Amino acid sequence: ISHFKSNYRIIIPLMPIHDMPIKEAGCEGLTVFIE
């Protein structure tokens, strides 16, 4: 962030790894979250 923020817009979402519904806890569920 420190290096690139002067020339780029940096967006970093916190993925719900610790609190997403257990049935959705996996690569598919995390991809849907990012979508």
PDB file of all heavy atoms in Angstrom:
ATOM      1  N   ILE A   1       0.844  -1.202   0.000  1.00  0.00           N
ATOM      2  CA  ILE A   1       0.000   0.000   0.000  1.00  0.00           C
ATOM      3  C   ILE A   1       0.876   1.248   0.000  1.00  0.00           C
ATOM      4  O   ILE A   1       0.683   2.174  -0.805  1.00  0.00           O
ATOM      5  CB  ILE A   1      -0.943   0.026   1.231  1.00  0.00           C
ATOM      6  CG1 ILE A   1      -1.855  -1.188   1.272  1.00  0.00           C
ATOM      7  CG2 ILE A   1      -1.786   1.308   1.223  1.00  0.00           C
ATOM      8  CD1 ILE A   1      -2.620  -1.340   2.579  1.00  0.00           C
ATOM      9  N   SER A   2       1.867   1.276   0.904  1.00  0.00           N
ATOM     10  CA  SER A   2       2.739   2.451   1.029  1.00  0.00           C
ATOM     11  C   SER A   2       3.420   2.784  -0.289  1.00  0.00           C
ATOM     12  O   SER A   2       3.546   3.951  -0.662  1.00  0.00           O
ATOM     13  CB  SER A   2       3.813   2.202   2.106  1.00  0.00           C
ATOM     14  OG  SER A   2       3.216   1.919   3.340  1.00  0.00           O
ATOM     15  N   HIS A   3       3.843   1.758  -1.000  1.00  0.00           N
ATOM     16  CA  HIS A   3       4.601   1.960  -2.244  1.00  0.00           C
ATOM     17  C   HIS A   3       3.709   2.401  -3.403  1.00  0.00           C
ATOM     18  O   HIS A   3       4.110   3.262  -4.204  1.00  0.00           O
ATOM     19  CB  HIS A   3       5.323   0.666  -2.618  1.00  0.00           C
ATOM     20  CG  HIS A   3       6.165   0.779  -3.848  1.00  0.00           C
ATOM     21  ND1 HIS A   3       7.469   1.213  -3.811  1.00  0.00           N
ATOM     22  CD2 HIS A   3       5.887   0.532  -5.156  1.00  0.00           C
ATOM     23  CE1 HIS A   3       7.959   1.232  -5.042  1.00  0.00           C
ATOM     24  NE2 HIS A   3       7.026   0.816  -5.878  1.00  0.00           N
ATOM     25  N   PHE A   4       2.514   1.839  -3.495  1.00  0.00           N
ATOM     26  CA  PHE A   4       1.699   2.017  -4.703  1.00  0.00           C
ATOM     27  C   PHE A   4       0.564   3.033  -4.584  1.00  0.00           C
ATOM     28  O   PHE A   4      -0.010   3.422  -5.602  1.00  0.00           O
ATOM     29  CB  PHE A   4       1.111   0.662  -5.138  1.00  0.00           C
ATOM     30  CG  PHE A   4       2.120  -0.260  -5.742  1.00  0.00           C
ATOM     31  CD1 PHE A   4       2.735  -1.243  -4.973  1.00  0.00           C
ATOM     32  CD2 PHE A   4       2.472  -0.161  -7.080  1.00  0.00           C
ATOM     33  CE1 PHE A   4       3.678  -2.101  -5.526  1.00  0.00           C
ATOM     34  CE2 PHE A   4       3.411  -1.016  -7.649  1.00  0.00           C
ATOM     35  CZ  PHE A   4       4.020  -1.983  -6.872  1.00  0.00           C
ATOM     36  N   LYS A   5       0.239   3.469  -3.372  1.00  0.00           N
ATOM     37  CA  LYS A   5      -0.982   4.276  -3.208  1.00  0.00           C
ATOM     38  C   LYS A   5      -0.915   5.633  -3.906  1.00  0.00           C
ATOM     39  O   LYS A   5      -1.954   6.244  -4.174  1.00  0.00           O
ATOM     40  CB  LYS A   5      -1.302   4.461  -1.725  1.00  0.00           C
ATOM     41  CG  LYS A   5      -0.308   5.329  -0.974  1.00  0.00           C
ATOM     42  CD  LYS A   5      -0.781   5.556   0.454  1.00  0.00           C
ATOM     43  CE  LYS A   5       0.190   6.475   1.188  1.00  0.00           C
ATOM     44  NZ  LYS A   5      -0.284   6.780   2.541  1.00  0.00           N
ATOM     45  N   SER A   6       0.293   6.117  -4.211  1.00  0.00           N
ATOM     46  CA  SER A   6       0.401   7.415  -4.877  1.00  0.00           C
ATOM     47  C   SER A   6       0.026   7.347  -6.351  1.00  0.00           C
ATOM     48  O   SER A   6      -0.313   8.362  -6.967  1.00  0.00           O
ATOM     49  CB  SER A   6       1.814   7.983  -4.724  1.00  0.00           C
ATOM     50  OG  SER A   6       2.765   7.070  -5.231  1.00  0.00           O
ATOM     51  N   ASN A   7       0.067   6.137  -6.926  1.00  0.00           N
ATOM     52  CA  ASN A   7      -0.233   6.003  -8.358  1.00  0.00           C
ATOM     53  C   ASN A   7      -1.391   5.051  -8.669  1.00  0.00           C
ATOM     54  O   ASN A   7      -1.823   4.970  -9.820  1.00  0.00           O
ATOM     55  CB  ASN A   7       1.011   5.499  -9.103  1.00  0.00           C
ATOM     56  CG  ASN A   7       2.135   6.517  -9.078  1.00  0.00           C
ATOM     57  OD1 ASN A   7       1.937   7.674  -9.398  1.00  0.00           O
ATOM     58  ND2 ASN A   7       3.317   6.085  -8.656  1.00  0.00           N
ATOM     59  N   TYR A   8      -1.841   4.322  -7.677  1.00  0.00           N
ATOM     60  CA  TYR A   8      -2.889   3.318  -7.890  1.00  0.00           C
ATOM     61  C   TYR A   8      -3.940   3.422  -6.783  1.00  0.00           C
ATOM     62  O   TYR A   8      -3.671   3.942  -5.696  1.00  0.00           O
ATOM     63  CB  TYR A   8      -2.312   1.895  -7.864  1.00  0.00           C
ATOM     64  CG  TYR A   8      -1.359   1.595  -8.992  1.00  0.00           C
ATOM     65  CD1 TYR A   8      -0.005   1.905  -8.877  1.00  0.00           C
ATOM     66  CD2 TYR A   8      -1.808   0.990 -10.165  1.00  0.00           C
ATOM     67  CE1 TYR A   8       0.883   1.623  -9.909  1.00  0.00           C
ATOM     68  CE2 TYR A   8      -0.928   0.693 -11.200  1.00  0.00           C
ATOM     69  CZ  TYR A   8       0.416   1.019 -11.064  1.00  0.00           C
ATOM     70  OH  TYR A   8       1.293   0.732 -12.083  1.00  0.00           O
ATOM     71  N   ARG A   9      -5.120   2.908  -7.067  1.00  0.00           N
ATOM     72  CA  ARG A   9      -6.156   2.747  -6.039  1.00  0.00           C
ATOM     73  C   ARG A   9      -6.066   1.302  -5.540  1.00  0.00           C
ATOM     74  O   ARG A   9      -6.244   0.361  -6.316  1.00  0.00           O
ATOM     75  CB  ARG A   9      -7.539   3.023  -6.616  1.00  0.00           C
ATOM     76  CG  ARG A   9      -8.664   2.884  -5.581  1.00  0.00           C
ATOM     77  CD  ARG A   9     -10.024   3.068  -6.228  1.00  0.00           C
ATOM     78  NE  ARG A   9     -11.101   2.825  -5.279  1.00  0.00           N
ATOM     79  CZ  ARG A   9     -12.379   2.675  -5.626  1.00  0.00           C
ATOM     80  NH1 ARG A   9     -12.737   2.784  -6.921  1.00  0.00           N
ATOM     81  NH2 ARG A   9     -13.295   2.438  -4.715  1.00  0.00           N
ATOM     82  N   ILE A  10      -5.784   1.149  -4.269  1.00  0.00           N
ATOM     83  CA  ILE A  10      -5.577  -0.173  -3.690  1.00  0.00           C
ATOM     84  C   ILE A  10      -6.779  -0.558  -2.828  1.00  0.00           C
ATOM     85  O   ILE A  10      -7.135   0.153  -1.884  1.00  0.00           O
ATOM     86  CB  ILE A  10      -4.290  -0.206  -2.844  1.00  0.00           C
ATOM     87  CG1 ILE A  10      -3.092   0.109  -3.751  1.00  0.00           C
ATOM     88  CG2 ILE A  10      -4.107  -1.559  -2.186  1.00  0.00           C
ATOM     89  CD1 ILE A  10      -1.822   0.378  -3.012  1.00  0.00           C
ATOM     90  N   ILE A  11      -7.391  -1.677  -3.165  1.00  0.00           N
ATOM     91  CA  ILE A  11      -8.566  -2.157  -2.433  1.00  0.00           C
ATOM     92  C   ILE A  11      -8.277  -3.562  -1.906  1.00  0.00           C
ATOM     93  O   ILE A  11      -7.862  -4.450  -2.661  1.00  0.00           O
ATOM     94  CB  ILE A  11      -9.816  -2.182  -3.335  1.00  0.00           C
ATOM     95  CG1 ILE A  11     -10.079  -0.775  -3.907  1.00  0.00           C
ATOM     96  CG2 ILE A  11     -11.034  -2.683  -2.560  1.00  0.00           C
ATOM     97  CD1 ILE A  11     -11.227  -0.706  -4.888  1.00  0.00           C
ATOM     98  N   ILE A  12      -8.468  -3.737  -0.599  1.00  0.00           N
ATOM     99  CA  ILE A  12      -8.182  -5.034   0.034  1.00  0.00           C
ATOM    100  C   ILE A  12      -9.361  -5.420   0.922  1.00  0.00           C
ATOM    101  O   ILE A  12      -9.533  -4.879   2.013  1.00  0.00           O
ATOM    102  CB  ILE A  12      -6.901  -4.983   0.885  1.00  0.00           C
ATOM    103  CG1 ILE A  12      -5.769  -4.268   0.138  1.00  0.00           C
ATOM    104  CG2 ILE A  12      -6.475  -6.395   1.287  1.00  0.00           C
ATOM    105  CD1 ILE A  12      -4.553  -3.975   0.994  1.00  0.00           C
ATOM    106  N   PRO A  13     -10.193  -6.363   0.487  1.00  0.00           N
ATOM    107  CA  PRO A  13     -11.303  -6.814   1.340  1.00  0.00           C
ATOM    108  C   PRO A  13     -10.825  -7.841   2.367  1.00  0.00           C
ATOM    109  O   PRO A  13      -9.943  -8.656   2.076  1.00  0.00           O
ATOM    110  CB  PRO A  13     -12.265  -7.457   0.343  1.00  0.00           C
ATOM    111  CG  PRO A  13     -11.381  -7.948  -0.767  1.00  0.00           C
ATOM    112  CD  PRO A  13     -10.209  -7.001  -0.841  1.00  0.00           C
ATOM    113  N   LEU A  14     -11.390  -7.781   3.551  1.00  0.00           N
ATOM    114  CA  LEU A  14     -11.140  -8.804   4.560  1.00  0.00           C
ATOM    115  C   LEU A  14     -12.056  -9.977   4.251  1.00  0.00           C
ATOM    116  O   LEU A  14     -13.281  -9.854   4.318  1.00  0.00           O
ATOM    117  CB  LEU A  14     -11.423  -8.251   5.962  1.00  0.00           C
ATOM    118  CG  LEU A  14     -11.175  -9.228   7.117  1.00  0.00           C
ATOM    119  CD1 LEU A  14      -9.702  -9.596   7.229  1.00  0.00           C
ATOM    120  CD2 LEU A  14     -11.682  -8.631   8.428  1.00  0.00           C
ATOM    121  N   MET A  15     -11.478 -11.110   3.895  1.00  0.00           N
ATOM    122  CA  MET A  15     -12.313 -12.274   3.558  1.00  0.00           C
ATOM    123  C   MET A  15     -12.862 -12.912   4.840  1.00  0.00           C
ATOM    124  O   MET A  15     -12.167 -12.991   5.853  1.00  0.00           O
ATOM    125  CB  MET A  15     -11.508 -13.274   2.724  1.00  0.00           C
ATOM    126  CG  MET A  15     -11.170 -12.736   1.353  1.00  0.00           C
ATOM    127  SD  MET A  15     -10.771 -14.017   0.129  1.00  0.00           S
ATOM    128  CE  MET A  15      -9.144 -14.519   0.660  1.00  0.00           C
ATOM    129  N   PRO A  16     -14.116 -13.399   4.808  1.00  0.00           N
ATOM    130  CA  PRO A  16     -14.795 -13.875   6.023  1.00  0.00           C
ATOM    131  C   PRO A  16     -14.403 -15.299   6.408  1.00  0.00           C
ATOM    132  O   PRO A  16     -15.263 -16.152   6.656  1.00  0.00           O
ATOM    133  CB  PRO A  16     -16.273 -13.788   5.623  1.00  0.00           C
ATOM    134  CG  PRO A  16     -16.258 -14.105   4.152  1.00  0.00           C
ATOM    135  CD  PRO A  16     -14.991 -13.478   3.620  1.00  0.00           C
ATOM    136  N   ILE A  17     -13.101 -15.553   6.456  1.00  0.00           N
ATOM    137  CA  ILE A  17     -12.591 -16.904   6.686  1.00  0.00           C
ATOM    138  C   ILE A  17     -13.050 -17.470   8.030  1.00  0.00           C
ATOM    139  O   ILE A  17     -13.360 -18.658   8.146  1.00  0.00           O
ATOM    140  CB  ILE A  17     -11.053 -16.902   6.579  1.00  0.00           C
ATOM    141  CG1 ILE A  17     -10.642 -16.770   5.098  1.00  0.00           C
ATOM    142  CG2 ILE A  17     -10.436 -18.154   7.187  1.00  0.00           C
ATOM    143  CD1 ILE A  17      -9.188 -16.460   4.869  1.00  0.00           C
ATOM    144  N   HIS A  18     -13.134 -16.612   9.038  1.00  0.00           N
ATOM    145  CA  HIS A  18     -13.409 -17.105  10.394  1.00  0.00           C
ATOM    146  C   HIS A  18     -14.887 -17.113  10.769  1.00  0.00           C
ATOM    147  O   HIS A  18     -15.261 -17.697  11.777  1.00  0.00           O
ATOM    148  CB  HIS A  18     -12.645 -16.259  11.427  1.00  0.00           C
ATOM    149  CG  HIS A  18     -11.183 -16.192  11.149  1.00  0.00           C
ATOM    150  ND1 HIS A  18     -10.449 -15.030  11.241  1.00  0.00           N
ATOM    151  CD2 HIS A  18     -10.321 -17.149  10.745  1.00  0.00           C
ATOM    152  CE1 HIS A  18      -9.197 -15.272  10.921  1.00  0.00           C
ATOM    153  NE2 HIS A  18      -9.095 -16.543  10.603  1.00  0.00           N
ATOM    154  N   ASP A  19     -15.722 -16.442   9.966  1.00  0.00           N
ATOM    155  CA  ASP A  19     -17.120 -16.338  10.391  1.00  0.00           C
ATOM    156  C   ASP A  19     -18.133 -16.601   9.293  1.00  0.00           C
ATOM    157  O   ASP A  19     -19.321 -16.359   9.475  1.00  0.00           O
ATOM    158  CB  ASP A  19     -17.384 -14.958  11.010  1.00  0.00           C
ATOM    159  CG  ASP A  19     -16.895 -13.805  10.127  1.00  0.00           C
ATOM    160  OD1 ASP A  19     -16.637 -14.042   8.931  1.00  0.00           O
ATOM    161  OD2 ASP A  19     -16.770 -12.684  10.650  1.00  0.00           O
ATOM    162  N   MET A  20     -17.680 -17.106   8.131  1.00  0.00           N
ATOM    163  CA  MET A  20     -18.655 -17.423   7.090  1.00  0.00           C
ATOM    164  C   MET A  20     -19.419 -18.688   7.483  1.00  0.00           C
ATOM    165  O   MET A  20     -18.922 -19.495   8.293  1.00  0.00           O
ATOM    166  CB  MET A  20     -17.952 -17.597   5.735  1.00  0.00           C
ATOM    167  CG  MET A  20     -17.004 -18.779   5.635  1.00  0.00           C
ATOM    168  SD  MET A  20     -15.917 -18.699   4.170  1.00  0.00           S
ATOM    169  CE  MET A  20     -17.118 -18.564   2.856  1.00  0.00           C
ATOM    170  N   PRO A  21     -20.634 -18.874   6.972  1.00  0.00           N
ATOM    171  CA  PRO A  21     -21.380 -20.095   7.290  1.00  0.00           C
ATOM    172  C   PRO A  21     -20.537 -21.335   6.973  1.00  0.00           C
ATOM    173  O   PRO A  21     -19.903 -21.400   5.914  1.00  0.00           O
ATOM    174  CB  PRO A  21     -22.603 -20.003   6.368  1.00  0.00           C
ATOM    175  CG  PRO A  21     -22.777 -18.539   6.124  1.00  0.00           C
ATOM    176  CD  PRO A  21     -21.389 -17.966   6.087  1.00  0.00           C
ATOM    177  N   ILE A  22     -20.519 -22.284   7.885  1.00  0.00           N
ATOM    178  CA  ILE A  22     -19.633 -23.445   7.747  1.00  0.00           C
ATOM    179  C   ILE A  22     -19.888 -24.208   6.446  1.00  0.00           C
ATOM    180  O   ILE A  22     -18.952 -24.731   5.832  1.00  0.00           O
ATOM    181  CB  ILE A  22     -19.763 -24.385   8.978  1.00  0.00           C
ATOM    182  CG1 ILE A  22     -18.677 -25.457   8.980  1.00  0.00           C
ATOM    183  CG2 ILE A  22     -21.149 -24.998   9.059  1.00  0.00           C
ATOM    184  CD1 ILE A  22     -17.290 -24.954   9.198  1.00  0.00           C
ATOM    185  N   LYS A  23     -21.136 -24.236   5.980  1.00  0.00           N
ATOM    186  CA  LYS A  23     -21.452 -24.935   4.722  1.00  0.00           C
ATOM    187  C   LYS A  23     -20.837 -24.238   3.517  1.00  0.00           C
ATOM    188  O   LYS A  23     -20.666 -24.853   2.466  1.00  0.00           O
ATOM    189  CB  LYS A  23     -22.973 -25.048   4.546  1.00  0.00           C
ATOM    190  CG  LYS A  23     -23.632 -26.026   5.508  1.00  0.00           C
ATOM    191  CD  LYS A  23     -25.123 -26.114   5.240  1.00  0.00           C
ATOM    192  CE  LYS A  23     -25.782 -27.097   6.196  1.00  0.00           C
ATOM    193  NZ  LYS A  23     -27.257 -27.174   5.973  1.00  0.00           N
ATOM    194  N   GLU A  24     -20.527 -22.960   3.663  1.00  0.00           N
ATOM    195  CA  GLU A  24     -19.947 -22.189   2.556  1.00  0.00           C
ATOM    196  C   GLU A  24     -18.434 -22.033   2.685  1.00  0.00           C
ATOM    197  O   GLU A  24     -17.803 -21.412   1.824  1.00  0.00           O
ATOM    198  CB  GLU A  24     -20.596 -20.797   2.503  1.00  0.00           C
ATOM    199  CG  GLU A  24     -22.090 -20.836   2.223  1.00  0.00           C
ATOM    200  CD  GLU A  24     -22.737 -19.465   2.389  1.00  0.00           C
ATOM    201  OE1 GLU A  24     -21.994 -18.454   2.404  1.00  0.00           O
ATOM    202  OE2 GLU A  24     -23.980 -19.416   2.507  1.00  0.00           O
ATOM    203  N   ALA A  25     -17.857 -22.586   3.745  1.00  0.00           N
ATOM    204  CA  ALA A  25     -16.432 -22.400   4.026  1.00  0.00           C
ATOM    205  C   ALA A  25     -15.586 -23.211   3.048  1.00  0.00           C
ATOM    206  O   ALA A  25     -15.379 -24.407   3.212  1.00  0.00           O
ATOM    207  CB  ALA A  25     -16.123 -22.807   5.468  1.00  0.00           C
ATOM    208  N   GLY A  26     -15.114 -22.545   2.012  1.00  0.00           N
ATOM    209  CA  GLY A  26     -14.299 -23.207   0.996  1.00  0.00           C
ATOM    210  C   GLY A  26     -13.975 -22.229  -0.112  1.00  0.00           C
ATOM    211  O   GLY A  26     -14.370 -21.053  -0.074  1.00  0.00           O
ATOM    212  N   CYS A  27     -13.253 -22.702  -1.099  1.00  0.00           N
ATOM    213  CA  CYS A  27     -12.847 -21.835  -2.221  1.00  0.00           C
ATOM    214  C   CYS A  27     -14.048 -21.246  -2.949  1.00  0.00           C
ATOM    215  O   CYS A  27     -14.039 -20.074  -3.332  1.00  0.00           O
ATOM    216  CB  CYS A  27     -11.982 -22.635  -3.199  1.00  0.00           C
ATOM    217  SG  CYS A  27     -10.412 -23.167  -2.498  1.00  0.00           S
ATOM    218  N   GLU A  28     -15.080 -22.042  -3.123  1.00  0.00           N
ATOM    219  CA  GLU A  28     -16.278 -21.574  -3.831  1.00  0.00           C
ATOM    220  C   GLU A  28     -16.948 -20.429  -3.068  1.00  0.00           C
ATOM    221  O   GLU A  28     -17.278 -19.386  -3.639  1.00  0.00           O
ATOM    222  CB  GLU A  28     -17.258 -22.728  -4.025  1.00  0.00           C
ATOM    223  CG  GLU A  28     -18.642 -22.350  -4.546  1.00  0.00           C
ATOM    224  CD  GLU A  28     -18.632 -21.794  -5.963  1.00  0.00           C
ATOM    225  OE1 GLU A  28     -17.676 -22.078  -6.712  1.00  0.00           O
ATOM    226  OE2 GLU A  28     -19.575 -21.066  -6.322  1.00  0.00           O
ATOM    227  N   GLY A  29     -17.154 -20.621  -1.767  1.00  0.00           N
ATOM    228  CA  GLY A  29     -17.808 -19.611  -0.946  1.00  0.00           C
ATOM    229  C   GLY A  29     -17.026 -18.305  -0.908  1.00  0.00           C
ATOM    230  O   GLY A  29     -17.603 -17.218  -0.955  1.00  0.00           O
ATOM    231  N   LEU A  30     -15.687 -18.413  -0.835  1.00  0.00           N
ATOM    232  CA  LEU A  30     -14.851 -17.215  -0.805  1.00  0.00           C
ATOM    233  C   LEU A  30     -14.865 -16.497  -2.153  1.00  0.00           C
ATOM    234  O   LEU A  30     -14.843 -15.262  -2.210  1.00  0.00           O
ATOM    235  CB  LEU A  30     -13.421 -17.582  -0.414  1.00  0.00           C
ATOM    236  CG  LEU A  30     -13.243 -18.018   1.045  1.00  0.00           C
ATOM    237  CD1 LEU A  30     -11.845 -18.580   1.269  1.00  0.00           C
ATOM    238  CD2 LEU A  30     -13.501 -16.862   2.009  1.00  0.00           C
ATOM    239  N   THR A  31     -14.927 -17.265  -3.245  1.00  0.00           N
ATOM    240  CA  THR A  31     -14.994 -16.647  -4.569  1.00  0.00           C
ATOM    241  C   THR A  31     -16.316 -15.894  -4.735  1.00  0.00           C
ATOM    242  O   THR A  31     -16.343 -14.776  -5.270  1.00  0.00           O
ATOM    243  CB  THR A  31     -14.840 -17.701  -5.676  1.00  0.00           C
ATOM    244  OG1 THR A  31     -13.618 -18.414  -5.482  1.00  0.00           O
ATOM    245  CG2 THR A  31     -14.825 -17.055  -7.053  1.00  0.00           C
ATOM    246  N   VAL A  32     -17.406 -16.485  -4.272  1.00  0.00           N
ATOM    247  CA  VAL A  32     -18.711 -15.815  -4.328  1.00  0.00           C
ATOM    248  C   VAL A  32     -18.666 -14.520  -3.517  1.00  0.00           C
ATOM    249  O   VAL A  32     -19.207 -13.490  -3.932  1.00  0.00           O
ATOM    250  CB  VAL A  32     -19.836 -16.750  -3.814  1.00  0.00           C
ATOM    251  CG1 VAL A  32     -21.144 -15.977  -3.625  1.00  0.00           C
ATOM    252  CG2 VAL A  32     -20.033 -17.919  -4.768  1.00  0.00           C
ATOM    253  N   PHE A  33     -17.993 -14.570  -2.360  1.00  0.00           N
ATOM    254  CA  PHE A  33     -17.845 -13.368  -1.529  1.00  0.00           C
ATOM    255  C   PHE A  33     -17.133 -12.257  -2.314  1.00  0.00           C
ATOM    256  O   PHE A  33     -17.565 -11.098  -2.299  1.00  0.00           O
ATOM    257  CB  PHE A  33     -17.057 -13.698  -0.256  1.00  0.00           C
ATOM    258  CG  PHE A  33     -16.706 -12.490   0.577  1.00  0.00           C
ATOM    259  CD1 PHE A  33     -17.602 -11.970   1.490  1.00  0.00           C
ATOM    260  CD2 PHE A  33     -15.462 -11.870   0.429  1.00  0.00           C
ATOM    261  CE1 PHE A  33     -17.279 -10.840   2.239  1.00  0.00           C
ATOM    262  CE2 PHE A  33     -15.139 -10.745   1.173  1.00  0.00           C
ATOM    263  CZ  PHE A  33     -16.042 -10.229   2.085  1.00  0.00           C
ATOM    264  N   ILE A  34     -16.055 -12.600  -3.008  1.00  0.00           N
ATOM    265  CA  ILE A  34     -15.309 -11.610  -3.791  1.00  0.00           C
ATOM    266  C   ILE A  34     -16.155 -11.115  -4.969  1.00  0.00           C
ATOM    267  O   ILE A  34     -16.162  -9.913  -5.282  1.00  0.00           O
ATOM    268  CB  ILE A  34     -13.967 -12.182  -4.277  1.00  0.00           C
ATOM    269  CG1 ILE A  34     -13.054 -12.493  -3.078  1.00  0.00           C
ATOM    270  CG2 ILE A  34     -13.269 -11.223  -5.244  1.00  0.00           C
ATOM    271  CD1 ILE A  34     -12.743 -11.300  -2.191  1.00  0.00           C
ATOM    272  N   GLU A  35     -16.902 -12.017  -5.595  1.00  0.00           N
ATOM    273  CA  GLU A  35     -17.807 -11.594  -6.681  1.00  0.00           C
ATOM    274  C   GLU A  35     -18.812 -10.558  -6.171  1.00  0.00           C
ATOM    275  O   GLU A  35     -19.038  -9.532  -6.826  1.00  0.00           O
ATOM    276  CB  GLU A  35     -18.542 -12.810  -7.251  1.00  0.00           C
ATOM    277  CG  GLU A  35     -17.663 -13.733  -8.073  1.00  0.00           C
ATOM    278  CD  GLU A  35     -18.376 -15.009  -8.496  1.00  0.00           C
ATOM    279  OE1 GLU A  35     -19.265 -15.480  -7.753  1.00  0.00           O
ATOM    280  OE2 GLU A  35     -18.038 -15.537  -9.561  1.00  0.00           O
TER     281      GLU A  35
END
